[in-house]
């Protein structure tokens, strides 16, 4: 809901290379499905141009789960999260 698919600098209030959105696939089937969804979206929004979408479809790299203190941040820090969410 807070992702602008044309923003190549990040998402929501978070900007920079650490915050760039992407769609990751692990199999050829997932890649084809992701590309199909992108095509469906472009049909739904005919004024959008595929070349202006800043969310790439990429092969999934090695994944590392974030440290425990990052998990469920919005539950553990409702005040901070609420401020962040509403301040943008």
C-alpha atoms as a PDB file:
ATOM      1  CA  UNK A   1       0.000   0.000   0.000  1.00  0.00           C
ATOM      2  CA  UNK A   2       2.929   2.344   0.605  1.00  0.00           C
ATOM      3  CA  UNK A   3       5.010   1.207  -2.318  1.00  0.00           C
ATOM      4  CA  UNK A   4       5.246   3.455  -5.333  1.00  0.00           C
ATOM      5  CA  UNK A   5       6.275   1.141  -8.192  1.00  0.00           C
ATOM      6  CA  UNK A   6       7.955   4.027 -10.045  1.00  0.00           C
ATOM      7  CA  UNK A   7      10.237   5.133  -7.161  1.00  0.00           C
ATOM      8  CA  UNK A   8      13.755   3.901  -7.877  1.00  0.00           C
ATOM      9  CA  UNK A   9      15.157   5.398  -4.649  1.00  0.00           C
ATOM     10  CA  UNK A  10      13.410   3.251  -2.034  1.00  0.00           C
ATOM     11  CA  UNK A  11       9.991   2.745  -0.545  1.00  0.00           C
ATOM     12  CA  UNK A  12       7.699   4.624   1.805  1.00  0.00           C
ATOM     13  CA  UNK A  13       9.917   6.869   3.971  1.00  0.00           C
ATOM     14  CA  UNK A  14      12.954   4.649   3.536  1.00  0.00           C
ATOM     15  CA  UNK A  15      15.299   5.721   0.776  1.00  0.00           C
ATOM     16  CA  UNK A  16      18.609   4.290  -0.370  1.00  0.00           C
ATOM     17  CA  UNK A  17      19.954   1.050  -1.760  1.00  0.00           C
ATOM     18  CA  UNK A  18      18.985  -0.947   1.350  1.00  0.00           C
ATOM     19  CA  UNK A  19      15.323  -0.131   0.778  1.00  0.00           C
ATOM     20  CA  UNK A  20      14.891  -0.850  -2.912  1.00  0.00           C
ATOM     21  CA  UNK A  21      11.908  -3.135  -3.515  1.00  0.00           C
ATOM     22  CA  UNK A  22      12.211  -6.212  -5.708  1.00  0.00           C
ATOM     23  CA  UNK A  23      10.297  -9.365  -6.550  1.00  0.00           C
ATOM     24  CA  UNK A  24      12.458 -12.446  -6.068  1.00  0.00           C
ATOM     25  CA  UNK A  25      11.980 -15.842  -7.667  1.00  0.00           C
ATOM     26  CA  UNK A  26      13.609 -19.178  -6.882  1.00  0.00           C
ATOM     27  CA  UNK A  27      12.292 -21.216  -9.800  1.00  0.00           C
ATOM     28  CA  UNK A  28      11.481 -20.646 -13.436  1.00  0.00           C
ATOM     29  CA  UNK A  29       7.815 -21.151 -12.583  1.00  0.00           C
ATOM     30  CA  UNK A  30       7.963 -18.307 -10.030  1.00  0.00           C
ATOM     31  CA  UNK A  31       9.702 -16.033 -12.553  1.00  0.00           C
ATOM     32  CA  UNK A  32       7.018 -16.692 -15.162  1.00  0.00           C
ATOM     33  CA  UNK A  33       4.282 -16.107 -12.578  1.00  0.00           C
ATOM     34  CA  UNK A  34       5.845 -12.804 -11.435  1.00  0.00           C
ATOM     35  CA  UNK A  35       6.140 -11.592 -15.016  1.00  0.00           C
ATOM     36  CA  UNK A  36       2.519 -12.624 -15.622  1.00  0.00           C
ATOM     37  CA  UNK A  37       1.342 -10.617 -12.611  1.00  0.00           C
ATOM     38  CA  UNK A  38       3.305  -7.600 -13.846  1.00  0.00           C
ATOM     39  CA  UNK A  39       1.632  -7.952 -17.248  1.00  0.00           C
ATOM     40  CA  UNK A  40      -1.790  -8.228 -15.581  1.00  0.00           C
ATOM     41  CA  UNK A  41      -1.119  -5.028 -13.643  1.00  0.00           C
ATOM     42  CA  UNK A  42      -0.110  -3.219 -16.807  1.00  0.00           C
ATOM     43  CA  UNK A  43      -3.404  -4.289 -18.397  1.00  0.00           C
ATOM     44  CA  UNK A  44      -5.294  -2.962 -15.357  1.00  0.00           C
ATOM     45  CA  UNK A  45      -3.420   0.347 -15.522  1.00  0.00           C
ATOM     46  CA  UNK A  46      -3.000   1.094 -19.242  1.00  0.00           C
ATOM     47  CA  UNK A  47      -1.371   4.479 -18.605  1.00  0.00           C
ATOM     48  CA  UNK A  48       1.543   2.773 -16.839  1.00  0.00           C
ATOM     49  CA  UNK A  49       4.624   1.974 -18.897  1.00  0.00           C
ATOM     50  CA  UNK A  50       6.568  -1.220 -18.136  1.00  0.00           C
ATOM     51  CA  UNK A  51       9.876   0.583 -18.576  1.00  0.00           C
ATOM     52  CA  UNK A  52       8.986   3.013 -15.778  1.00  0.00           C
ATOM     53  CA  UNK A  53       8.315   0.283 -13.197  1.00  0.00           C
ATOM     54  CA  UNK A  54      11.223   0.419 -10.743  1.00  0.00           C
ATOM     55  CA  UNK A  55      10.548  -2.953  -9.095  1.00  0.00           C
ATOM     56  CA  UNK A  56      12.760  -5.525 -10.801  1.00  0.00           C
ATOM     57  CA  UNK A  57      12.086  -9.257 -10.970  1.00  0.00           C
ATOM     58  CA  UNK A  58      15.320 -10.911  -9.830  1.00  0.00           C
ATOM     59  CA  UNK A  59      16.659 -14.365  -9.105  1.00  0.00           C
ATOM     60  CA  UNK A  60      16.556 -14.883  -5.356  1.00  0.00           C
ATOM     61  CA  UNK A  61      19.973 -14.499  -3.769  1.00  0.00           C
ATOM     62  CA  UNK A  62      21.055 -16.133  -0.519  1.00  0.00           C
ATOM     63  CA  UNK A  63      18.684 -14.985   2.222  1.00  0.00           C
ATOM     64  CA  UNK A  64      19.620 -14.140   5.779  1.00  0.00           C
ATOM     65  CA  UNK A  65      16.922 -13.753   8.377  1.00  0.00           C
ATOM     66  CA  UNK A  66      17.196 -10.495  10.286  1.00  0.00           C
ATOM     67  CA  UNK A  67      18.197 -10.552  13.949  1.00  0.00           C
ATOM     68  CA  UNK A  68      15.468 -11.274  16.486  1.00  0.00           C
ATOM     69  CA  UNK A  69      15.188  -7.638  17.616  1.00  0.00           C
ATOM     70  CA  UNK A  70      14.071  -6.740  14.070  1.00  0.00           C
ATOM     71  CA  UNK A  71      11.275  -9.324  14.038  1.00  0.00           C
ATOM     72  CA  UNK A  72       7.746  -7.979  14.657  1.00  0.00           C
ATOM     73  CA  UNK A  73       9.105  -4.482  15.207  1.00  0.00           C
ATOM     74  CA  UNK A  74       5.644  -2.944  14.931  1.00  0.00           C
ATOM     75  CA  UNK A  75       4.410  -5.110  17.834  1.00  0.00           C
ATOM     76  CA  UNK A  76       7.475  -4.636  20.045  1.00  0.00           C
ATOM     77  CA  UNK A  77       7.691  -0.876  19.414  1.00  0.00           C
ATOM     78  CA  UNK A  78       4.157   0.344  18.715  1.00  0.00           C
ATOM     79  CA  UNK A  79       4.919   3.961  19.630  1.00  0.00           C
ATOM     80  CA  UNK A  80       7.984   4.230  17.413  1.00  0.00           C
ATOM     81  CA  UNK A  81       6.303   2.378  14.576  1.00  0.00           C
ATOM     82  CA  UNK A  82       3.156   4.465  14.823  1.00  0.00           C
ATOM     83  CA  UNK A  83       5.181   7.671  14.702  1.00  0.00           C
ATOM     84  CA  UNK A  84       7.188   6.431  11.730  1.00  0.00           C
ATOM     85  CA  UNK A  85       4.070   5.266   9.882  1.00  0.00           C
ATOM     86  CA  UNK A  86       2.209   8.535  10.415  1.00  0.00           C
ATOM     87  CA  UNK A  87       5.133  10.944  10.007  1.00  0.00           C
ATOM     88  CA  UNK A  88       5.790  10.112   6.373  1.00  0.00           C
END
